[in-house]
Amino acid sequence: TNAGKSSLLKAIIGLLPPWAGEVFIDRRPTTGQPPWRSVSNSTVLVPEGKMIFADMTVRENLIIGGYHNPDRIRHLETVLDGFPRLRERLQQVAGTLSGGEQQMLALGRALMARPRLLLLDEPSMGLAPLMVKEVFTSIRKMKDLGLTVLLIEQNANAALRIADRAYVMETGEIVLEGPAADLAHNPEVKRAYLGKG
């Protein structure tokens, strides 16, 4: 549905102007800033559709994610510790990875930039159930390590299991918000978004 979720992420990083108000990250206004500045402000977007460099190797994709990080080669080891499947495929051409592996690569490449805020747009889209579980396990690990994650996700059940706070958007408006556990038990949310009730 066209709830405006992807547009919200694009407005946060400067790809779209906000339709009203201003965007602040770490108390600094980002409205009107060029999108490249979002990375230097420690904010990284992993857009819907993985957006990997298909003709480059897994290693090259990861290294390019940390292009502004002078310590990127050493940081690569840290990222690979979180994605052992990618370590096994470092020399493989990225376009030959499975959909789930490509999503892990997109996440790993984003982590190479050492973000403090990671914006994820539909990371489970089109993935097999087993890969969805792996991707969400990776997201939970990132969160547990102190990374702030803003997750846009149609798989509400999976998202609510790992989220601290949740927002429900319809046609560009936030219609419900609160602790994720509360929303997971809300009868309206269960009926409309979780396929229960």
N, C-alpha and C. Protein backbone atom coordinates (compact mmCIF):
# COMPACT_ATOMS: atom_id res chain seq x y z
N THR A 1 0.84 -1.18 0.00
CA THR A 1 0.00 0.00 0.00
C THR A 1 0.88 1.24 0.00
N ASN A 2 0.34 2.32 -0.49
CA ASN A 2 1.09 3.56 -0.58
C ASN A 2 0.89 4.38 0.69
N ALA A 3 1.55 3.98 1.75
CA ALA A 3 1.39 4.65 3.04
C ALA A 3 2.38 5.79 3.23
N GLY A 4 3.33 5.93 2.31
CA GLY A 4 4.31 7.01 2.43
C GLY A 4 5.54 6.63 3.23
N LYS A 5 5.70 5.33 3.51
CA LYS A 5 6.82 4.90 4.35
C LYS A 5 8.16 5.10 3.66
N SER A 6 8.27 4.68 2.41
CA SER A 6 9.54 4.86 1.68
C SER A 6 9.85 6.34 1.49
N SER A 7 8.82 7.14 1.25
CA SER A 7 9.02 8.59 1.11
C SER A 7 9.54 9.19 2.40
N LEU A 8 9.08 8.67 3.53
CA LEU A 8 9.57 9.15 4.82
C LEU A 8 11.07 8.92 4.94
N LEU A 9 11.53 7.71 4.59
CA LEU A 9 12.96 7.42 4.66
C LEU A 9 13.75 8.32 3.73
N LYS A 10 13.23 8.54 2.53
CA LYS A 10 13.92 9.40 1.57
C LYS A 10 13.99 10.84 2.07
N ALA A 11 12.95 11.29 2.77
CA ALA A 11 12.98 12.65 3.34
C ALA A 11 14.00 12.74 4.46
N ILE A 12 14.14 11.68 5.24
CA ILE A 12 15.11 11.69 6.34
C ILE A 12 16.53 11.87 5.82
N ILE A 13 16.87 11.21 4.70
CA ILE A 13 18.25 11.33 4.21
C ILE A 13 18.43 12.40 3.14
N GLY A 14 17.37 13.12 2.79
CA GLY A 14 17.51 14.24 1.88
C GLY A 14 17.27 13.95 0.42
N LEU A 15 16.78 12.74 0.10
CA LEU A 15 16.45 12.46 -1.31
C LEU A 15 15.15 13.12 -1.73
N LEU A 16 14.28 13.41 -0.77
CA LEU A 16 13.03 14.13 -1.01
C LEU A 16 12.91 15.22 0.04
N PRO A 17 12.35 16.37 -0.33
CA PRO A 17 12.10 17.38 0.70
C PRO A 17 10.92 16.93 1.56
N PRO A 18 10.94 17.20 2.86
CA PRO A 18 9.77 16.85 3.68
C PRO A 18 8.58 17.68 3.24
N TRP A 19 7.39 17.09 3.30
CA TRP A 19 6.19 17.80 2.86
C TRP A 19 5.79 18.86 3.87
N ALA A 20 6.28 18.75 5.11
CA ALA A 20 6.04 19.76 6.14
C ALA A 20 7.10 19.58 7.22
N GLY A 21 7.43 20.65 7.90
CA GLY A 21 8.35 20.56 9.03
C GLY A 21 9.80 20.38 8.62
N GLU A 22 10.59 19.96 9.59
CA GLU A 22 12.02 19.76 9.39
C GLU A 22 12.43 18.40 9.92
N VAL A 23 13.56 17.91 9.44
CA VAL A 23 14.13 16.65 9.90
C VAL A 23 15.38 16.98 10.71
N PHE A 24 15.48 16.39 11.91
CA PHE A 24 16.65 16.55 12.77
C PHE A 24 17.21 15.17 13.08
N ILE A 25 18.52 15.03 13.02
CA ILE A 25 19.20 13.81 13.45
C ILE A 25 20.28 14.24 14.43
N ASP A 26 20.27 13.68 15.61
CA ASP A 26 21.20 14.08 16.68
C ASP A 26 21.12 15.59 16.93
N ARG A 27 19.91 16.09 16.94
CA ARG A 27 19.61 17.50 17.21
C ARG A 27 20.14 18.47 16.15
N ARG A 28 20.59 17.92 15.02
CA ARG A 28 21.07 18.77 13.93
C ARG A 28 20.06 18.72 12.79
N PRO A 29 19.68 19.87 12.23
CA PRO A 29 18.74 19.85 11.10
C PRO A 29 19.40 19.24 9.87
N THR A 30 18.67 18.39 9.19
CA THR A 30 19.19 17.80 7.95
C THR A 30 18.36 18.22 6.74
N THR A 31 17.28 18.93 6.98
CA THR A 31 16.43 19.39 5.89
C THR A 31 17.24 20.29 4.96
N GLY A 32 17.15 20.01 3.66
CA GLY A 32 17.85 20.81 2.66
C GLY A 32 19.30 20.42 2.45
N GLN A 33 19.80 19.47 3.22
CA GLN A 33 21.18 19.00 3.05
C GLN A 33 21.24 18.01 1.89
N PRO A 34 22.35 17.95 1.18
CA PRO A 34 22.47 16.96 0.10
C PRO A 34 22.50 15.54 0.68
N PRO A 35 21.99 14.55 -0.07
CA PRO A 35 21.92 13.18 0.45
C PRO A 35 23.27 12.61 0.90
N TRP A 36 24.35 12.96 0.22
CA TRP A 36 25.65 12.42 0.62
C TRP A 36 26.04 12.83 2.03
N ARG A 37 25.50 13.95 2.48
CA ARG A 37 25.81 14.42 3.83
C ARG A 37 25.24 13.48 4.88
N SER A 38 24.18 12.72 4.55
CA SER A 38 23.59 11.81 5.53
C SER A 38 24.59 10.77 5.99
N VAL A 39 25.46 10.30 5.08
CA VAL A 39 26.47 9.31 5.48
C VAL A 39 27.46 9.95 6.44
N SER A 40 27.89 11.17 6.14
CA SER A 40 28.83 11.82 7.06
C SER A 40 28.15 12.16 8.39
N ASN A 41 26.82 12.22 8.40
CA ASN A 41 26.07 12.40 9.64
C ASN A 41 25.72 11.05 10.28
N SER A 42 26.33 9.98 9.78
CA SER A 42 26.16 8.63 10.33
C SER A 42 24.77 8.06 10.14
N THR A 43 24.12 8.42 9.04
CA THR A 43 22.82 7.86 8.69
C THR A 43 22.93 7.18 7.34
N VAL A 44 22.51 5.93 7.27
CA VAL A 44 22.61 5.16 6.03
C VAL A 44 21.27 4.50 5.73
N LEU A 45 20.87 4.56 4.46
CA LEU A 45 19.63 3.93 3.98
C LEU A 45 19.97 2.67 3.20
N VAL A 46 19.27 1.58 3.54
CA VAL A 46 19.29 0.37 2.72
C VAL A 46 17.92 0.34 2.04
N PRO A 47 17.86 0.75 0.76
CA PRO A 47 16.56 0.87 0.09
C PRO A 47 15.95 -0.48 -0.23
N GLU A 48 14.66 -0.45 -0.49
CA GLU A 48 13.95 -1.64 -0.94
C GLU A 48 14.59 -2.13 -2.23
N GLY A 49 14.74 -3.43 -2.37
CA GLY A 49 15.27 -3.98 -3.61
C GLY A 49 16.76 -4.25 -3.59
N LYS A 50 17.37 -4.20 -2.42
CA LYS A 50 18.76 -4.59 -2.18
C LYS A 50 19.79 -3.62 -2.76
N MET A 51 19.69 -3.25 -4.02
CA MET A 51 20.58 -2.25 -4.63
C MET A 51 22.07 -2.56 -4.43
N ILE A 52 22.47 -3.77 -4.77
CA ILE A 52 23.88 -4.12 -4.72
C ILE A 52 24.51 -3.87 -6.08
N PHE A 53 25.83 -3.90 -6.13
CA PHE A 53 26.54 -3.81 -7.40
C PHE A 53 26.72 -5.24 -7.90
N ALA A 54 25.84 -5.67 -8.79
CA ALA A 54 25.75 -7.08 -9.19
C ALA A 54 27.01 -7.61 -9.87
N ASP A 55 27.74 -6.75 -10.59
CA ASP A 55 28.93 -7.21 -11.32
C ASP A 55 30.21 -7.18 -10.49
N MET A 56 30.11 -6.69 -9.27
CA MET A 56 31.28 -6.64 -8.38
C MET A 56 31.23 -7.81 -7.41
N THR A 57 32.36 -8.14 -6.81
CA THR A 57 32.39 -9.23 -5.84
C THR A 57 31.75 -8.77 -4.52
N VAL A 58 31.47 -9.74 -3.67
CA VAL A 58 30.95 -9.44 -2.34
C VAL A 58 31.92 -8.51 -1.61
N ARG A 59 33.20 -8.83 -1.66
CA ARG A 59 34.22 -8.02 -0.98
C ARG A 59 34.22 -6.58 -1.52
N GLU A 60 34.19 -6.43 -2.84
CA GLU A 60 34.19 -5.08 -3.43
C GLU A 60 32.95 -4.30 -3.00
N ASN A 61 31.79 -4.95 -2.96
CA ASN A 61 30.57 -4.29 -2.50
C ASN A 61 30.73 -3.80 -1.07
N LEU A 62 31.30 -4.63 -0.22
CA LEU A 62 31.47 -4.24 1.18
C LEU A 62 32.46 -3.09 1.32
N ILE A 63 33.58 -3.17 0.63
CA ILE A 63 34.60 -2.13 0.72
C ILE A 63 34.05 -0.79 0.25
N ILE A 64 33.27 -0.79 -0.82
CA ILE A 64 32.72 0.48 -1.32
C ILE A 64 31.75 1.10 -0.32
N GLY A 65 31.12 0.26 0.51
CA GLY A 65 30.23 0.80 1.55
C GLY A 65 30.97 1.62 2.60
N GLY A 66 32.25 1.35 2.76
CA GLY A 66 33.05 2.09 3.73
C GLY A 66 34.02 3.05 3.09
N TYR A 67 33.67 3.54 1.90
CA TYR A 67 34.61 4.37 1.13
C TYR A 67 35.15 5.56 1.90
N HIS A 68 34.36 6.14 2.81
CA HIS A 68 34.82 7.32 3.56
C HIS A 68 35.51 6.94 4.87
N ASN A 69 35.57 5.65 5.17
CA ASN A 69 36.14 5.17 6.43
C ASN A 69 37.59 4.74 6.20
N PRO A 70 38.57 5.49 6.71
CA PRO A 70 39.97 5.13 6.46
C PRO A 70 40.35 3.77 7.06
N ASP A 71 39.56 3.29 7.99
CA ASP A 71 39.83 2.03 8.66
C ASP A 71 38.98 0.89 8.08
N ARG A 72 38.54 1.05 6.83
CA ARG A 72 37.55 0.12 6.26
C ARG A 72 38.04 -1.32 6.14
N ILE A 73 39.30 -1.54 5.87
CA ILE A 73 39.79 -2.92 5.72
C ILE A 73 39.69 -3.65 7.06
N ARG A 74 40.09 -3.00 8.14
CA ARG A 74 39.97 -3.61 9.46
C ARG A 74 38.50 -3.76 9.86
N HIS A 75 37.68 -2.77 9.53
CA HIS A 75 36.26 -2.83 9.88
C HIS A 75 35.54 -3.93 9.10
N LEU A 76 36.06 -4.28 7.94
CA LEU A 76 35.49 -5.38 7.14
C LEU A 76 35.41 -6.66 7.98
N GLU A 77 36.44 -6.93 8.76
CA GLU A 77 36.45 -8.14 9.60
C GLU A 77 35.31 -8.12 10.61
N THR A 78 35.06 -6.96 11.20
CA THR A 78 33.97 -6.82 12.17
C THR A 78 32.63 -7.10 11.50
N VAL A 79 32.43 -6.54 10.32
CA VAL A 79 31.17 -6.75 9.59
C VAL A 79 31.02 -8.22 9.22
N LEU A 80 32.09 -8.83 8.75
CA LEU A 80 32.02 -10.25 8.36
C LEU A 80 31.75 -11.16 9.55
N ASP A 81 32.17 -10.76 10.74
CA ASP A 81 31.85 -11.54 11.94
C ASP A 81 30.34 -11.63 12.13
N GLY A 82 29.62 -10.59 11.74
CA GLY A 82 28.16 -10.58 11.85
C GLY A 82 27.46 -11.28 10.71
N PHE A 83 28.17 -11.51 9.61
CA PHE A 83 27.58 -12.15 8.43
C PHE A 83 28.51 -13.25 7.93
N PRO A 84 28.61 -14.37 8.66
CA PRO A 84 29.55 -15.43 8.27
C PRO A 84 29.29 -15.98 6.86
N ARG A 85 28.05 -15.94 6.43
CA ARG A 85 27.73 -16.42 5.08
C ARG A 85 28.43 -15.56 4.02
N LEU A 86 28.56 -14.27 4.28
CA LEU A 86 29.26 -13.39 3.34
C LEU A 86 30.76 -13.68 3.33
N ARG A 87 31.31 -14.02 4.49
CA ARG A 87 32.73 -14.35 4.57
C ARG A 87 33.05 -15.52 3.64
N GLU A 88 32.14 -16.50 3.57
CA GLU A 88 32.33 -17.67 2.72
C GLU A 88 32.27 -17.31 1.23
N ARG A 89 31.69 -16.16 0.91
CA ARG A 89 31.45 -15.80 -0.49
C ARG A 89 32.16 -14.51 -0.90
N LEU A 90 33.20 -14.13 -0.21
CA LEU A 90 33.87 -12.85 -0.46
C LEU A 90 34.26 -12.64 -1.92
N GLN A 91 34.73 -13.67 -2.61
CA GLN A 91 35.21 -13.52 -3.98
C GLN A 91 34.11 -13.80 -5.02
N GLN A 92 32.91 -14.13 -4.55
CA GLN A 92 31.80 -14.44 -5.46
C GLN A 92 31.21 -13.15 -6.02
N VAL A 93 30.81 -13.19 -7.28
CA VAL A 93 30.15 -12.04 -7.91
C VAL A 93 28.79 -11.87 -7.23
N ALA A 94 28.51 -10.67 -6.78
CA ALA A 94 27.33 -10.40 -5.95
C ALA A 94 26.02 -10.75 -6.65
N GLY A 95 25.96 -10.58 -7.96
CA GLY A 95 24.73 -10.88 -8.69
C GLY A 95 24.36 -12.35 -8.70
N THR A 96 25.30 -13.22 -8.32
CA THR A 96 25.01 -14.66 -8.29
C THR A 96 24.57 -15.14 -6.91
N LEU A 97 24.49 -14.25 -5.94
CA LEU A 97 24.01 -14.61 -4.60
C LEU A 97 22.51 -14.83 -4.62
N SER A 98 22.01 -15.58 -3.64
CA SER A 98 20.56 -15.71 -3.48
C SER A 98 19.98 -14.37 -3.03
N GLY A 99 18.67 -14.23 -3.09
CA GLY A 99 18.03 -12.99 -2.66
C GLY A 99 18.35 -12.65 -1.21
N GLY A 100 18.32 -13.65 -0.34
CA GLY A 100 18.63 -13.41 1.06
C GLY A 100 20.07 -13.01 1.28
N GLU A 101 20.97 -13.64 0.54
CA GLU A 101 22.39 -13.28 0.64
C GLU A 101 22.62 -11.87 0.12
N GLN A 102 21.91 -11.49 -0.94
CA GLN A 102 22.04 -10.12 -1.45
C GLN A 102 21.55 -9.11 -0.40
N GLN A 103 20.48 -9.47 0.32
CA GLN A 103 19.98 -8.57 1.36
C GLN A 103 21.00 -8.45 2.49
N MET A 104 21.62 -9.57 2.85
CA MET A 104 22.68 -9.53 3.88
C MET A 104 23.85 -8.67 3.41
N LEU A 105 24.17 -8.77 2.12
CA LEU A 105 25.25 -7.96 1.56
C LEU A 105 24.88 -6.47 1.64
N ALA A 106 23.64 -6.14 1.32
CA ALA A 106 23.20 -4.74 1.41
C ALA A 106 23.31 -4.24 2.85
N LEU A 107 22.93 -5.08 3.81
CA LEU A 107 23.05 -4.70 5.22
C LEU A 107 24.52 -4.55 5.63
N GLY A 108 25.34 -5.52 5.22
CA GLY A 108 26.76 -5.45 5.54
C GLY A 108 27.43 -4.23 4.94
N ARG A 109 27.08 -3.92 3.70
CA ARG A 109 27.66 -2.74 3.04
C ARG A 109 27.27 -1.47 3.81
N ALA A 110 26.02 -1.41 4.27
CA ALA A 110 25.59 -0.24 5.05
C ALA A 110 26.38 -0.14 6.35
N LEU A 111 26.64 -1.27 6.99
CA LEU A 111 27.40 -1.26 8.25
C LEU A 111 28.85 -0.84 8.05
N MET A 112 29.37 -1.01 6.85
CA MET A 112 30.75 -0.58 6.57
C MET A 112 30.90 0.93 6.75
N ALA A 113 29.81 1.67 6.63
CA ALA A 113 29.85 3.12 6.81
C ALA A 113 29.83 3.52 8.29
N ARG A 114 29.73 2.54 9.17
CA ARG A 114 29.67 2.76 10.61
C ARG A 114 28.55 3.74 10.99
N PRO A 115 27.33 3.46 10.58
CA PRO A 115 26.23 4.38 10.89
C PRO A 115 25.84 4.33 12.36
N ARG A 116 25.23 5.41 12.82
CA ARG A 116 24.57 5.40 14.13
C ARG A 116 23.08 5.20 13.94
N LEU A 117 22.58 5.58 12.75
CA LEU A 117 21.17 5.39 12.40
C LEU A 117 21.11 4.65 11.07
N LEU A 118 20.47 3.49 11.09
CA LEU A 118 20.33 2.66 9.89
C LEU A 118 18.87 2.63 9.50
N LEU A 119 18.57 3.06 8.28
CA LEU A 119 17.21 3.08 7.75
C LEU A 119 17.04 1.88 6.82
N LEU A 120 16.11 1.00 7.15
CA LEU A 120 15.89 -0.22 6.36
C LEU A 120 14.50 -0.18 5.74
N ASP A 121 14.44 -0.27 4.42
CA ASP A 121 13.18 -0.23 3.69
C ASP A 121 12.84 -1.63 3.19
N GLU A 122 11.89 -2.28 3.85
CA GLU A 122 11.37 -3.60 3.45
C GLU A 122 12.48 -4.64 3.25
N PRO A 123 13.30 -4.91 4.27
CA PRO A 123 14.40 -5.86 4.07
C PRO A 123 13.96 -7.30 3.81
N SER A 124 12.72 -7.66 4.14
CA SER A 124 12.29 -9.05 3.91
C SER A 124 11.56 -9.24 2.59
N MET A 125 11.38 -8.17 1.84
CA MET A 125 10.62 -8.22 0.59
C MET A 125 11.18 -9.28 -0.36
N GLY A 126 10.33 -10.24 -0.73
CA GLY A 126 10.68 -11.24 -1.73
C GLY A 126 11.59 -12.35 -1.25
N LEU A 127 11.84 -12.44 0.05
CA LEU A 127 12.75 -13.46 0.56
C LEU A 127 11.99 -14.71 1.01
N ALA A 128 12.66 -15.85 0.91
CA ALA A 128 12.12 -17.10 1.43
C ALA A 128 12.05 -17.00 2.96
N PRO A 129 11.08 -17.70 3.59
CA PRO A 129 10.91 -17.60 5.04
C PRO A 129 12.19 -17.84 5.85
N LEU A 130 13.01 -18.80 5.45
CA LEU A 130 14.25 -19.07 6.19
C LEU A 130 15.20 -17.87 6.12
N MET A 131 15.27 -17.22 4.95
CA MET A 131 16.14 -16.06 4.81
C MET A 131 15.58 -14.85 5.57
N VAL A 132 14.24 -14.75 5.63
CA VAL A 132 13.63 -13.67 6.41
C VAL A 132 14.09 -13.79 7.86
N LYS A 133 14.07 -15.01 8.37
CA LYS A 133 14.49 -15.25 9.75
C LYS A 133 15.96 -14.84 9.95
N GLU A 134 16.82 -15.20 9.01
CA GLU A 134 18.24 -14.83 9.11
C GLU A 134 18.44 -13.32 9.07
N VAL A 135 17.72 -12.66 8.15
CA VAL A 135 17.85 -11.20 8.03
C VAL A 135 17.39 -10.53 9.32
N PHE A 136 16.27 -10.98 9.89
CA PHE A 136 15.78 -10.37 11.12
C PHE A 136 16.68 -10.69 12.31
N THR A 137 17.32 -11.84 12.30
CA THR A 137 18.31 -12.15 13.34
C THR A 137 19.47 -11.17 13.25
N SER A 138 19.90 -10.86 12.03
CA SER A 138 20.99 -9.89 11.83
C SER A 138 20.57 -8.50 12.31
N ILE A 139 19.34 -8.10 12.01
CA ILE A 139 18.85 -6.78 12.43
C ILE A 139 18.80 -6.72 13.96
N ARG A 140 18.33 -7.79 14.59
CA ARG A 140 18.27 -7.82 16.06
C ARG A 140 19.68 -7.68 16.65
N LYS A 141 20.66 -8.36 16.05
CA LYS A 141 22.05 -8.26 16.54
C LYS A 141 22.55 -6.82 16.44
N MET A 142 22.24 -6.15 15.32
CA MET A 142 22.65 -4.76 15.15
C MET A 142 22.06 -3.89 16.26
N LYS A 143 20.78 -4.10 16.49
CA LYS A 143 20.08 -3.35 17.54
C LYS A 143 20.70 -3.62 18.91
N ASP A 144 20.99 -4.89 19.18
CA ASP A 144 21.57 -5.28 20.46
C ASP A 144 22.96 -4.67 20.67
N LEU A 145 23.66 -4.37 19.57
CA LEU A 145 24.98 -3.74 19.66
C LEU A 145 24.90 -2.22 19.80
N GLY A 146 23.68 -1.68 19.87
CA GLY A 146 23.51 -0.26 20.11
C GLY A 146 23.22 0.58 18.88
N LEU A 147 23.07 -0.05 17.73
CA LEU A 147 22.74 0.69 16.52
C LEU A 147 21.25 1.02 16.52
N THR A 148 20.92 2.26 16.21
CA THR A 148 19.52 2.65 16.08
C THR A 148 19.06 2.27 14.68
N VAL A 149 17.96 1.53 14.61
CA VAL A 149 17.43 1.05 13.34
C VAL A 149 16.00 1.57 13.18
N LEU A 150 15.74 2.23 12.05
CA LEU A 150 14.38 2.60 11.68
C LEU A 150 13.99 1.65 10.57
N LEU A 151 13.06 0.76 10.88
CA LEU A 151 12.70 -0.34 10.00
C LEU A 151 11.32 -0.11 9.41
N ILE A 152 11.25 -0.08 8.08
CA ILE A 152 9.97 -0.06 7.37
C ILE A 152 9.76 -1.49 6.91
N GLU A 153 8.65 -2.10 7.31
CA GLU A 153 8.49 -3.53 7.04
C GLU A 153 7.03 -3.91 6.94
N GLN A 154 6.69 -4.63 5.85
CA GLN A 154 5.32 -5.10 5.68
C GLN A 154 5.05 -6.35 6.53
N ASN A 155 6.10 -7.09 6.89
CA ASN A 155 5.96 -8.27 7.75
C ASN A 155 5.87 -7.77 9.19
N ALA A 156 4.67 -7.33 9.56
CA ALA A 156 4.48 -6.69 10.86
C ALA A 156 4.81 -7.62 12.02
N ASN A 157 4.48 -8.90 11.89
CA ASN A 157 4.78 -9.85 12.97
C ASN A 157 6.28 -9.87 13.27
N ALA A 158 7.09 -10.03 12.24
CA ALA A 158 8.55 -10.09 12.43
C ALA A 158 9.08 -8.76 12.96
N ALA A 159 8.59 -7.66 12.43
CA ALA A 159 9.07 -6.34 12.85
C ALA A 159 8.74 -6.07 14.32
N LEU A 160 7.52 -6.39 14.73
CA LEU A 160 7.12 -6.12 16.11
C LEU A 160 7.88 -6.98 17.12
N ARG A 161 8.35 -8.15 16.68
CA ARG A 161 9.12 -9.02 17.59
C ARG A 161 10.49 -8.42 17.94
N ILE A 162 11.06 -7.61 17.05
CA ILE A 162 12.40 -7.08 17.34
C ILE A 162 12.40 -5.59 17.68
N ALA A 163 11.27 -4.92 17.49
CA ALA A 163 11.22 -3.47 17.69
C ALA A 163 11.00 -3.10 19.16
N ASP A 164 11.49 -1.93 19.53
CA ASP A 164 11.18 -1.35 20.84
C ASP A 164 9.92 -0.51 20.73
N ARG A 165 9.83 0.24 19.65
CA ARG A 165 8.71 1.16 19.43
C ARG A 165 8.20 0.96 18.01
N ALA A 166 6.90 1.13 17.82
CA ALA A 166 6.32 0.91 16.49
C ALA A 166 5.37 2.05 16.13
N TYR A 167 5.28 2.26 14.82
CA TYR A 167 4.39 3.28 14.26
C TYR A 167 3.62 2.63 13.12
N VAL A 168 2.35 2.94 13.03
CA VAL A 168 1.53 2.46 11.92
C VAL A 168 1.19 3.68 11.07
N MET A 169 1.55 3.59 9.77
CA MET A 169 1.27 4.70 8.85
C MET A 169 0.22 4.29 7.84
N GLU A 170 -0.66 5.22 7.53
CA GLU A 170 -1.63 5.06 6.45
C GLU A 170 -1.68 6.37 5.68
N THR A 171 -1.53 6.28 4.38
CA THR A 171 -1.54 7.43 3.48
C THR A 171 -0.73 8.62 4.02
N GLY A 172 0.49 8.32 4.44
CA GLY A 172 1.41 9.37 4.87
C GLY A 172 1.21 9.89 6.27
N GLU A 173 0.28 9.35 7.01
CA GLU A 173 0.00 9.81 8.37
C GLU A 173 0.28 8.69 9.37
N ILE A 174 0.84 9.04 10.51
CA ILE A 174 1.00 8.08 11.60
C ILE A 174 -0.35 7.99 12.30
N VAL A 175 -0.96 6.79 12.27
CA VAL A 175 -2.29 6.61 12.86
C VAL A 175 -2.24 5.90 14.21
N LEU A 176 -1.15 5.21 14.49
CA LEU A 176 -0.96 4.54 15.79
C LEU A 176 0.52 4.54 16.10
N GLU A 177 0.86 4.67 17.37
CA GLU A 177 2.25 4.56 17.78
C GLU A 177 2.30 4.12 19.23
N GLY A 178 3.42 3.51 19.59
CA GLY A 178 3.59 3.08 20.97
C GLY A 178 4.63 1.99 21.08
N PRO A 179 4.82 1.47 22.29
CA PRO A 179 5.74 0.35 22.45
C PRO A 179 5.31 -0.81 21.55
N ALA A 180 6.28 -1.45 20.92
CA ALA A 180 5.97 -2.53 19.97
C ALA A 180 5.14 -3.63 20.61
N ALA A 181 5.46 -3.98 21.85
CA ALA A 181 4.70 -5.05 22.53
C ALA A 181 3.24 -4.66 22.68
N ASP A 182 2.96 -3.38 22.97
CA ASP A 182 1.58 -2.93 23.09
C ASP A 182 0.85 -3.02 21.75
N LEU A 183 1.50 -2.58 20.68
CA LEU A 183 0.86 -2.64 19.38
C LEU A 183 0.64 -4.07 18.92
N ALA A 184 1.54 -4.97 19.29
CA ALA A 184 1.38 -6.39 18.91
C ALA A 184 0.15 -7.00 19.56
N HIS A 185 -0.29 -6.44 20.69
CA HIS A 185 -1.47 -6.96 21.38
C HIS A 185 -2.72 -6.10 21.17
N ASN A 186 -2.60 -5.03 20.41
CA ASN A 186 -3.72 -4.14 20.12
C ASN A 186 -4.69 -4.85 19.18
N PRO A 187 -5.98 -4.97 19.55
CA PRO A 187 -6.95 -5.69 18.71
C PRO A 187 -7.06 -5.14 17.28
N GLU A 188 -7.00 -3.81 17.13
CA GLU A 188 -7.07 -3.21 15.79
C GLU A 188 -5.87 -3.62 14.94
N VAL A 189 -4.69 -3.55 15.54
CA VAL A 189 -3.46 -3.91 14.83
C VAL A 189 -3.48 -5.39 14.49
N LYS A 190 -3.89 -6.22 15.44
CA LYS A 190 -3.96 -7.67 15.19
C LYS A 190 -4.85 -7.97 13.98
N ARG A 191 -6.00 -7.34 13.95
CA ARG A 191 -6.97 -7.60 12.88
C ARG A 191 -6.48 -7.05 11.53
N ALA A 192 -6.00 -5.83 11.51
CA ALA A 192 -5.68 -5.17 10.24
C ALA A 192 -4.30 -5.53 9.69
N TYR A 193 -3.32 -5.79 10.58
CA TYR A 193 -1.95 -5.93 10.10
C TYR A 193 -1.29 -7.26 10.41
N LEU A 194 -1.83 -7.98 11.39
CA LEU A 194 -1.18 -9.22 11.80
C LEU A 194 -1.96 -10.46 11.38
N GLY A 195 -3.11 -10.26 10.71
CA GLY A 195 -3.89 -11.40 10.24
C GLY A 195 -4.49 -12.23 11.36
N LYS A 196 -4.79 -11.58 12.47
CA LYS A 196 -5.38 -12.29 13.61
C LYS A 196 -6.67 -11.59 14.01
N GLY A 197 -7.57 -12.36 14.59
CA GLY A 197 -8.79 -11.77 15.14
C GLY A 197 -9.83 -11.69 14.11
